[in-house]
Amino acid sequence: MITQTLSKTPTDTSDITPPRDGTKQAKLVSLLSRKSGVTLAKASESLGWQKHTISAAMTGLRKRGYEIIRTERKTGDSVYMIQPDQHAS
């Protein structure tokens, strides 16, 4: 299993700008905040976005201060998750 942090610098949770409640970005944060994380395919299915749009939205979340971790499964697909202390408020 390979784990990779997808943020350039560690962030303080007070630096995070959460998305507005009820938006698809807020739902993406919720999916990423699950203990098991989320795959691009599952996020795409849940939000109705294409996989490349999910990736772009995660880039936007990283710019907002979220630290997103990618873990590669033995099956080859990747699971993305946000650190537990970075949930949306």
PDB file of N, CA and C in Angstrom:
ATOM      1  N   MET A   1       0.839  -1.164   0.000  1.00  0.00           N
ATOM      2  CA  MET A   1       0.000   0.000   0.000  1.00  0.00           C
ATOM      3  C   MET A   1       0.895   1.242   0.000  1.00  0.00           C
ATOM      4  N   ILE A   2       0.608   2.165  -0.875  1.00  0.00           N
ATOM      5  CA  ILE A   2       1.371   3.402  -1.005  1.00  0.00           C
ATOM      6  C   ILE A   2       0.509   4.554  -0.518  1.00  0.00           C
ATOM      7  N   THR A   3       1.076   5.401   0.331  1.00  0.00           N
ATOM      8  CA  THR A   3       0.360   6.578   0.814  1.00  0.00           C
ATOM      9  C   THR A   3       1.141   7.816   0.421  1.00  0.00           C
ATOM     10  N   GLN A   4       0.426   8.816  -0.070  1.00  0.00           N
ATOM     11  CA  GLN A   4       1.057  10.051  -0.520  1.00  0.00           C
ATOM     12  C   GLN A   4       0.208  11.228  -0.062  1.00  0.00           C
ATOM     13  N   THR A   5       0.860  12.223   0.528  1.00  0.00           N
ATOM     14  CA  THR A   5       0.162  13.443   0.909  1.00  0.00           C
ATOM     15  C   THR A   5       0.171  14.383  -0.274  1.00  0.00           C
ATOM     16  N   LEU A   6      -0.996  14.880  -0.632  1.00  0.00           N
ATOM     17  CA  LEU A   6      -1.131  15.729  -1.807  1.00  0.00           C
ATOM     18  C   LEU A   6      -1.212  17.200  -1.436  1.00  0.00           C
ATOM     19  N   SER A   7      -0.334  17.634  -0.573  1.00  0.00           N
ATOM     20  CA  SER A   7      -0.270  19.053  -0.260  1.00  0.00           C
ATOM     21  C   SER A   7       1.195  19.415  -0.102  1.00  0.00           C
ATOM     22  N   LYS A   8       1.549  20.610  -0.490  1.00  0.00           N
ATOM     23  CA  LYS A   8       2.953  21.005  -0.497  1.00  0.00           C
ATOM     24  C   LYS A   8       3.484  21.298   0.894  1.00  0.00           C
ATOM     25  N   THR A   9       2.661  21.875   1.748  1.00  0.00           N
ATOM     26  CA  THR A   9       3.109  22.211   3.093  1.00  0.00           C
ATOM     27  C   THR A   9       2.046  21.797   4.092  1.00  0.00           C
ATOM     28  N   PRO A  10       2.459  21.422   5.304  1.00  0.00           N
ATOM     29  CA  PRO A  10       1.471  21.102   6.327  1.00  0.00           C
ATOM     30  C   PRO A  10       0.627  22.343   6.624  1.00  0.00           C
ATOM     31  N   THR A  11      -0.640  22.124   6.896  1.00  0.00           N
ATOM     32  CA  THR A  11      -1.523  23.260   7.140  1.00  0.00           C
ATOM     33  C   THR A  11      -2.060  23.233   8.554  1.00  0.00           C
ATOM     34  N   ASP A  12      -2.342  24.395   9.074  1.00  0.00           N
ATOM     35  CA  ASP A  12      -3.011  24.554  10.352  1.00  0.00           C
ATOM     36  C   ASP A  12      -4.500  24.567  10.042  1.00  0.00           C
ATOM     37  N   THR A  13      -5.311  23.828  10.824  1.00  0.00           N
ATOM     38  CA  THR A  13      -6.738  23.751  10.517  1.00  0.00           C
ATOM     39  C   THR A  13      -7.425  25.108  10.576  1.00  0.00           C
ATOM     40  N   SER A  14      -6.852  26.088  11.252  1.00  0.00           N
ATOM     41  CA  SER A  14      -7.461  27.414  11.284  1.00  0.00           C
ATOM     42  C   SER A  14      -7.307  28.134   9.945  1.00  0.00           C
ATOM     43  N   ASP A  15      -6.411  27.637   9.076  1.00  0.00           N
ATOM     44  CA  ASP A  15      -6.192  28.237   7.763  1.00  0.00           C
ATOM     45  C   ASP A  15      -7.168  27.720   6.706  1.00  0.00           C
ATOM     46  N   ILE A  16      -8.016  26.774   7.059  1.00  0.00           N
ATOM     47  CA  ILE A  16      -8.917  26.150   6.091  1.00  0.00           C
ATOM     48  C   ILE A  16     -10.138  27.024   5.863  1.00  0.00           C
ATOM     49  N   THR A  17     -10.462  27.219   4.593  1.00  0.00           N
ATOM     50  CA  THR A  17     -11.675  27.935   4.210  1.00  0.00           C
ATOM     51  C   THR A  17     -12.669  26.897   3.688  1.00  0.00           C
ATOM     52  N   PRO A  18     -13.639  26.490   4.509  1.00  0.00           N
ATOM     53  CA  PRO A  18     -14.574  25.447   4.071  1.00  0.00           C
ATOM     54  C   PRO A  18     -15.538  25.960   3.004  1.00  0.00           C
ATOM     55  N   PRO A  19     -16.005  25.067   2.133  1.00  0.00           N
ATOM     56  CA  PRO A  19     -16.998  25.467   1.131  1.00  0.00           C
ATOM     57  C   PRO A  19     -18.346  25.760   1.805  1.00  0.00           C
ATOM     58  N   ARG A  20     -19.198  26.479   1.094  1.00  0.00           N
ATOM     59  CA  ARG A  20     -20.533  26.789   1.628  1.00  0.00           C
ATOM     60  C   ARG A  20     -21.329  25.497   1.821  1.00  0.00           C
ATOM     61  N   ASP A  21     -22.141  25.472   2.875  1.00  0.00           N
ATOM     62  CA  ASP A  21     -22.991  24.313   3.154  1.00  0.00           C
ATOM     63  C   ASP A  21     -23.944  24.061   1.986  1.00  0.00           C
ATOM     64  N   GLY A  22     -24.181  22.792   1.717  1.00  0.00           N
ATOM     65  CA  GLY A  22     -25.139  22.412   0.692  1.00  0.00           C
ATOM     66  C   GLY A  22     -24.587  22.358  -0.719  1.00  0.00           C
ATOM     67  N   THR A  23     -23.332  22.754  -0.923  1.00  0.00           N
ATOM     68  CA  THR A  23     -22.748  22.731  -2.262  1.00  0.00           C
ATOM     69  C   THR A  23     -22.139  21.358  -2.541  1.00  0.00           C
ATOM     70  N   LYS A  24     -21.861  21.104  -3.814  1.00  0.00           N
ATOM     71  CA  LYS A  24     -21.216  19.844  -4.174  1.00  0.00           C
ATOM     72  C   LYS A  24     -19.804  19.768  -3.603  1.00  0.00           C
ATOM     73  N   GLN A  25     -19.126  20.913  -3.477  1.00  0.00           N
ATOM     74  CA  GLN A  25     -17.799  20.904  -2.850  1.00  0.00           C
ATOM     75  C   GLN A  25     -17.913  20.489  -1.388  1.00  0.00           C
ATOM     76  N   ALA A  26     -18.945  20.944  -0.696  1.00  0.00           N
ATOM     77  CA  ALA A  26     -19.159  20.546   0.697  1.00  0.00           C
ATOM     78  C   ALA A  26     -19.426  19.049   0.780  1.00  0.00           C
ATOM     79  N   LYS A  27     -20.180  18.523  -0.191  1.00  0.00           N
ATOM     80  CA  LYS A  27     -20.434  17.080  -0.223  1.00  0.00           C
ATOM     81  C   LYS A  27     -19.139  16.317  -0.502  1.00  0.00           C
ATOM     82  N   LEU A  28     -18.280  16.870  -1.354  1.00  0.00           N
ATOM     83  CA  LEU A  28     -16.989  16.236  -1.635  1.00  0.00           C
ATOM     84  C   LEU A  28     -16.137  16.197  -0.370  1.00  0.00           C
ATOM     85  N   VAL A  29     -16.135  17.285   0.405  1.00  0.00           N
ATOM     86  CA  VAL A  29     -15.403  17.309   1.676  1.00  0.00           C
ATOM     87  C   VAL A  29     -15.947  16.220   2.593  1.00  0.00           C
ATOM     88  N   SER A  30     -17.264  16.060   2.623  1.00  0.00           N
ATOM     89  CA  SER A  30     -17.888  15.028   3.443  1.00  0.00           C
ATOM     90  C   SER A  30     -17.434  13.632   3.006  1.00  0.00           C
ATOM     91  N   LEU A  31     -17.399  13.395   1.698  1.00  0.00           N
ATOM     92  CA  LEU A  31     -16.954  12.099   1.177  1.00  0.00           C
ATOM     93  C   LEU A  31     -15.487  11.844   1.521  1.00  0.00           C
ATOM     94  N   LEU A  32     -14.668  12.874   1.365  1.00  0.00           N
ATOM     95  CA  LEU A  32     -13.243  12.748   1.655  1.00  0.00           C
ATOM     96  C   LEU A  32     -12.981  12.591   3.148  1.00  0.00           C
ATOM     97  N   SER A  33     -13.897  13.034   3.980  1.00  0.00           N
ATOM     98  CA  SER A  33     -13.724  12.995   5.426  1.00  0.00           C
ATOM     99  C   SER A  33     -14.134  11.662   6.043  1.00  0.00           C
ATOM    100  N   ARG A  34     -14.751  10.797   5.244  1.00  0.00           N
ATOM    101  CA  ARG A  34     -15.127   9.483   5.773  1.00  0.00           C
ATOM    102  C   ARG A  34     -13.876   8.715   6.172  1.00  0.00           C
ATOM    103  N   LYS A  35     -14.006   7.872   7.161  1.00  0.00           N
ATOM    104  CA  LYS A  35     -12.875   7.087   7.652  1.00  0.00           C
ATOM    105  C   LYS A  35     -12.248   6.250   6.534  1.00  0.00           C
ATOM    106  N   SER A  36     -13.077   5.745   5.627  1.00  0.00           N
ATOM    107  CA  SER A  36     -12.587   4.913   4.525  1.00  0.00           C
ATOM    108  C   SER A  36     -12.154   5.738   3.317  1.00  0.00           C
ATOM    109  N   GLY A  37     -12.407   7.065   3.338  1.00  0.00           N
ATOM    110  CA  GLY A  37     -12.072   7.908   2.198  1.00  0.00           C
ATOM    111  C   GLY A  37     -13.016   7.652   1.038  1.00  0.00           C
ATOM    112  N   VAL A  38     -12.577   8.024  -0.162  1.00  0.00           N
ATOM    113  CA  VAL A  38     -13.425   7.856  -1.343  1.00  0.00           C
ATOM    114  C   VAL A  38     -12.537   7.687  -2.578  1.00  0.00           C
ATOM    115  N   THR A  39     -12.994   6.890  -3.515  1.00  0.00           N
ATOM    116  CA  THR A  39     -12.296   6.759  -4.799  1.00  0.00           C
ATOM    117  C   THR A  39     -12.863   7.798  -5.761  1.00  0.00           C
ATOM    118  N   LEU A  40     -12.136   8.056  -6.831  1.00  0.00           N
ATOM    119  CA  LEU A  40     -12.638   8.993  -7.844  1.00  0.00           C
ATOM    120  C   LEU A  40     -13.949   8.480  -8.435  1.00  0.00           C
ATOM    121  N   ALA A  41     -14.028   7.173  -8.651  1.00  0.00           N
ATOM    122  CA  ALA A  41     -15.241   6.591  -9.243  1.00  0.00           C
ATOM    123  C   ALA A  41     -16.450   6.793  -8.333  1.00  0.00           C
ATOM    124  N   LYS A  42     -16.289   6.548  -7.044  1.00  0.00           N
ATOM    125  CA  LYS A  42     -17.400   6.710  -6.096  1.00  0.00           C
ATOM    126  C   LYS A  42     -17.794   8.184  -5.961  1.00  0.00           C
ATOM    127  N   ALA A  43     -16.807   9.071  -5.895  1.00  0.00           N
ATOM    128  CA  ALA A  43     -17.102  10.507  -5.808  1.00  0.00           C
ATOM    129  C   ALA A  43     -17.821  10.971  -7.074  1.00  0.00           C
ATOM    130  N   SER A  44     -17.380  10.473  -8.216  1.00  0.00           N
ATOM    131  CA  SER A  44     -18.001  10.825  -9.490  1.00  0.00           C
ATOM    132  C   SER A  44     -19.463  10.376  -9.519  1.00  0.00           C
ATOM    133  N   GLU A  45     -19.705   9.172  -9.049  1.00  0.00           N
ATOM    134  CA  GLU A  45     -21.062   8.633  -9.005  1.00  0.00           C
ATOM    135  C   GLU A  45     -21.939   9.432  -8.034  1.00  0.00           C
ATOM    136  N   SER A  46     -21.398   9.790  -6.882  1.00  0.00           N
ATOM    137  CA  SER A  46     -22.167  10.510  -5.857  1.00  0.00           C
ATOM    138  C   SER A  46     -22.492  11.943  -6.250  1.00  0.00           C
ATOM    139  N   LEU A  47     -21.558  12.604  -6.932  1.00  0.00           N
ATOM    140  CA  LEU A  47     -21.731  14.015  -7.259  1.00  0.00           C
ATOM    141  C   LEU A  47     -22.248  14.274  -8.667  1.00  0.00           C
ATOM    142  N   GLY A  48     -22.154  13.266  -9.526  1.00  0.00           N
ATOM    143  CA  GLY A  48     -22.576  13.458 -10.917  1.00  0.00           C
ATOM    144  C   GLY A  48     -21.550  14.226 -11.734  1.00  0.00           C
ATOM    145  N   TRP A  49     -20.321  14.249 -11.263  1.00  0.00           N
ATOM    146  CA  TRP A  49     -19.225  14.908 -11.977  1.00  0.00           C
ATOM    147  C   TRP A  49     -18.333  13.860 -12.619  1.00  0.00           C
ATOM    148  N   GLN A  50     -17.608  14.259 -13.657  1.00  0.00           N
ATOM    149  CA  GLN A  50     -16.624  13.361 -14.249  1.00  0.00           C
ATOM    150  C   GLN A  50     -15.389  13.313 -13.352  1.00  0.00           C
ATOM    151  N   LYS A  51     -14.587  12.258 -13.520  1.00  0.00           N
ATOM    152  CA  LYS A  51     -13.420  12.052 -12.655  1.00  0.00           C
ATOM    153  C   LYS A  51     -12.437  13.217 -12.713  1.00  0.00           C
ATOM    154  N   HIS A  52     -12.230  13.791 -13.889  1.00  0.00           N
ATOM    155  CA  HIS A  52     -11.280  14.900 -13.977  1.00  0.00           C
ATOM    156  C   HIS A  52     -11.806  16.139 -13.250  1.00  0.00           C
ATOM    157  N   THR A  53     -13.112  16.275 -13.159  1.00  0.00           N
ATOM    158  CA  THR A  53     -13.706  17.380 -12.420  1.00  0.00           C
ATOM    159  C   THR A  53     -13.517  17.188 -10.918  1.00  0.00           C
ATOM    160  N   ILE A  54     -13.609  15.937 -10.461  1.00  0.00           N
ATOM    161  CA  ILE A  54     -13.361  15.625  -9.049  1.00  0.00           C
ATOM    162  C   ILE A  54     -11.912  15.979  -8.710  1.00  0.00           C
ATOM    163  N   SER A  55     -10.987  15.591  -9.574  1.00  0.00           N
ATOM    164  CA  SER A  55      -9.565  15.897  -9.343  1.00  0.00           C
ATOM    165  C   SER A  55      -9.335  17.402  -9.263  1.00  0.00           C
ATOM    166  N   ALA A  56      -9.973  18.146 -10.152  1.00  0.00           N
ATOM    167  CA  ALA A  56      -9.835  19.611 -10.145  1.00  0.00           C
ATOM    168  C   ALA A  56     -10.436  20.199  -8.871  1.00  0.00           C
ATOM    169  N   ALA A  57     -11.558  19.664  -8.434  1.00  0.00           N
ATOM    170  CA  ALA A  57     -12.188  20.153  -7.198  1.00  0.00           C
ATOM    171  C   ALA A  57     -11.294  19.867  -5.994  1.00  0.00           C
ATOM    172  N   MET A  58     -10.613  18.717  -5.987  1.00  0.00           N
ATOM    173  CA  MET A  58      -9.691  18.411  -4.890  1.00  0.00           C
ATOM    174  C   MET A  58      -8.502  19.368  -4.899  1.00  0.00           C
ATOM    175  N   THR A  59      -8.068  19.771  -6.076  1.00  0.00           N
ATOM    176  CA  THR A  59      -7.002  20.775  -6.165  1.00  0.00           C
ATOM    177  C   THR A  59      -7.480  22.081  -5.537  1.00  0.00           C
ATOM    178  N   GLY A  60      -8.706  22.451  -5.823  1.00  0.00           N
ATOM    179  CA  GLY A  60      -9.281  23.652  -5.217  1.00  0.00           C
ATOM    180  C   GLY A  60      -9.364  23.545  -3.697  1.00  0.00           C
ATOM    181  N   LEU A  61      -9.698  22.358  -3.200  1.00  0.00           N
ATOM    182  CA  LEU A  61      -9.758  22.157  -1.751  1.00  0.00           C
ATOM    183  C   LEU A  61      -8.367  22.262  -1.131  1.00  0.00           C
ATOM    184  N   ARG A  62      -7.356  21.760  -1.825  1.00  0.00           N
ATOM    185  CA  ARG A  62      -5.980  21.883  -1.330  1.00  0.00           C
ATOM    186  C   ARG A  62      -5.591  23.357  -1.241  1.00  0.00           C
ATOM    187  N   LYS A  63      -6.016  24.144  -2.216  1.00  0.00           N
ATOM    188  CA  LYS A  63      -5.722  25.586  -2.199  1.00  0.00           C
ATOM    189  C   LYS A  63      -6.453  26.282  -1.054  1.00  0.00           C
ATOM    190  N   ARG A  64      -7.572  25.712  -0.615  1.00  0.00           N
ATOM    191  CA  ARG A  64      -8.322  26.261   0.519  1.00  0.00           C
ATOM    192  C   ARG A  64      -7.677  25.877   1.853  1.00  0.00           C
ATOM    193  N   GLY A  65      -6.703  24.951   1.817  1.00  0.00           N
ATOM    194  CA  GLY A  65      -6.005  24.574   3.033  1.00  0.00           C
ATOM    195  C   GLY A  65      -6.175  23.140   3.481  1.00  0.00           C
ATOM    196  N   TYR A  66      -6.997  22.375   2.781  1.00  0.00           N
ATOM    197  CA  TYR A  66      -7.179  20.973   3.151  1.00  0.00           C
ATOM    198  C   TYR A  66      -5.964  20.145   2.752  1.00  0.00           C
ATOM    199  N   GLU A  67      -5.597  19.184   3.598  1.00  0.00           N
ATOM    200  CA  GLU A  67      -4.528  18.247   3.275  1.00  0.00           C
ATOM    201  C   GLU A  67      -5.186  16.945   2.849  1.00  0.00           C
ATOM    202  N   ILE A  68      -5.060  16.605   1.574  1.00  0.00           N
ATOM    203  CA  ILE A  68      -5.692  15.407   1.032  1.00  0.00           C
ATOM    204  C   ILE A  68      -4.623  14.336   0.864  1.00  0.00           C
ATOM    205  N   ILE A  69      -4.931  13.146   1.369  1.00  0.00           N
ATOM    206  CA  ILE A  69      -3.991  12.029   1.315  1.00  0.00           C
ATOM    207  C   ILE A  69      -4.505  11.000   0.317  1.00  0.00           C
ATOM    208  N   ARG A  70      -3.605  10.528  -0.535  1.00  0.00           N
ATOM    209  CA  ARG A  70      -3.947   9.489  -1.510  1.00  0.00           C
ATOM    210  C   ARG A  70      -3.282   8.191  -1.076  1.00  0.00           C
ATOM    211  N   THR A  71      -4.075   7.142  -0.989  1.00  0.00           N
ATOM    212  CA  THR A  71      -3.566   5.819  -0.663  1.00  0.00           C
ATOM    213  C   THR A  71      -3.920   4.887  -1.812  1.00  0.00           C
ATOM    214  N   GLU A  72      -2.932   4.181  -2.306  1.00  0.00           N
ATOM    215  CA  GLU A  72      -3.162   3.253  -3.412  1.00  0.00           C
ATOM    216  C   GLU A  72      -3.478   1.876  -2.852  1.00  0.00           C
ATOM    217  N   ARG A  73      -4.579   1.295  -3.307  1.00  0.00           N
ATOM    218  CA  ARG A  73      -4.969  -0.053  -2.891  1.00  0.00           C
ATOM    219  C   ARG A  73      -4.189  -1.085  -3.687  1.00  0.00           C
ATOM    220  N   LYS A  74      -4.221  -2.318  -3.217  1.00  0.00           N
ATOM    221  CA  LYS A  74      -3.567  -3.415  -3.929  1.00  0.00           C
ATOM    222  C   LYS A  74      -4.193  -3.636  -5.300  1.00  0.00           C
ATOM    223  N   THR A  75      -5.457  -3.255  -5.445  1.00  0.00           N
ATOM    224  CA  THR A  75      -6.163  -3.415  -6.715  1.00  0.00           C
ATOM    225  C   THR A  75      -5.725  -2.384  -7.751  1.00  0.00           C
ATOM    226  N   GLY A  76      -4.977  -1.368  -7.297  1.00  0.00           N
ATOM    227  CA  GLY A  76      -4.478  -0.356  -8.219  1.00  0.00           C
ATOM    228  C   GLY A  76      -5.237   0.950  -8.196  1.00  0.00           C
ATOM    229  N   ASP A  77      -6.466   0.945  -7.643  1.00  0.00           N
ATOM    230  CA  ASP A  77      -7.187   2.218  -7.578  1.00  0.00           C
ATOM    231  C   ASP A  77      -6.761   3.001  -6.341  1.00  0.00           C
ATOM    232  N   SER A  78      -6.984   4.279  -6.357  1.00  0.00           N
ATOM    233  CA  SER A  78      -6.545   5.163  -5.274  1.00  0.00           C
ATOM    234  C   SER A  78      -7.733   5.610  -4.431  1.00  0.00           C
ATOM    235  N   VAL A  79      -7.483   5.745  -3.147  1.00  0.00           N
ATOM    236  CA  VAL A  79      -8.475   6.255  -2.204  1.00  0.00           C
ATOM    237  C   VAL A  79      -7.960   7.592  -1.695  1.00  0.00           C
ATOM    238  N   TYR A  80      -8.819   8.585  -1.697  1.00  0.00           N
ATOM    239  CA  TYR A  80      -8.460   9.934  -1.252  1.00  0.00           C
ATOM    240  C   TYR A  80      -9.195  10.218   0.045  1.00  0.00           C
ATOM    241  N   MET A  81      -8.506  10.891   0.967  1.00  0.00           N
ATOM    242  CA  MET A  81      -9.156  11.257   2.224  1.00  0.00           C
ATOM    243  C   MET A  81      -8.525  12.514   2.803  1.00  0.00           C
ATOM    244  N   ILE A  82      -9.319  13.187   3.622  1.00  0.00           N
ATOM    245  CA  ILE A  82      -8.873  14.379   4.340  1.00  0.00           C
ATOM    246  C   ILE A  82      -8.543  13.933   5.761  1.00  0.00           C
ATOM    247  N   GLN A  83      -7.537  14.539   6.339  1.00  0.00           N
ATOM    248  CA  GLN A  83      -7.182  14.252   7.722  1.00  0.00           C
ATOM    249  C   GLN A  83      -8.423  14.439   8.619  1.00  0.00           C
ATOM    250  N   PRO A  84      -8.623  13.560   9.615  1.00  0.00           N
ATOM    251  CA  PRO A  84      -9.823  13.656  10.459  1.00  0.00           C
ATOM    252  C   PRO A  84     -10.024  15.001  11.151  1.00  0.00           C
ATOM    253  N   ASP A  85      -8.964  15.735  11.453  1.00  0.00           N
ATOM    254  CA  ASP A  85      -9.117  17.009  12.149  1.00  0.00           C
ATOM    255  C   ASP A  85      -9.421  18.164  11.204  1.00  0.00           C
ATOM    256  N   GLN A  86      -9.647  17.888   9.917  1.00  0.00           N
ATOM    257  CA  GLN A  86      -9.896  18.944   8.935  1.00  0.00           C
ATOM    258  C   GLN A  86     -11.305  18.901   8.368  1.00  0.00           C
ATOM    259  N   HIS A  87     -12.260  18.348   9.105  1.00  0.00           N
ATOM    260  CA  HIS A  87     -13.634  18.292   8.612  1.00  0.00           C
ATOM    261  C   HIS A  87     -14.194  19.686   8.426  1.00  0.00           C
ATOM    262  N   ALA A  88     -15.126  19.798   7.513  1.00  0.00           N
ATOM    263  CA  ALA A  88     -15.790  21.092   7.285  1.00  0.00           C
ATOM    264  C   ALA A  88     -16.598  21.481   8.505  1.00  0.00           C
ATOM    265  N   SER A  89     -16.660  22.752   8.743  1.00  0.00           N
ATOM    266  CA  SER A  89     -17.431  23.215   9.901  1.00  0.00           C
ATOM    267  C   SER A  89     -18.851  23.520   9.530  1.00  0.00           C
TER     268      SER A  89
END
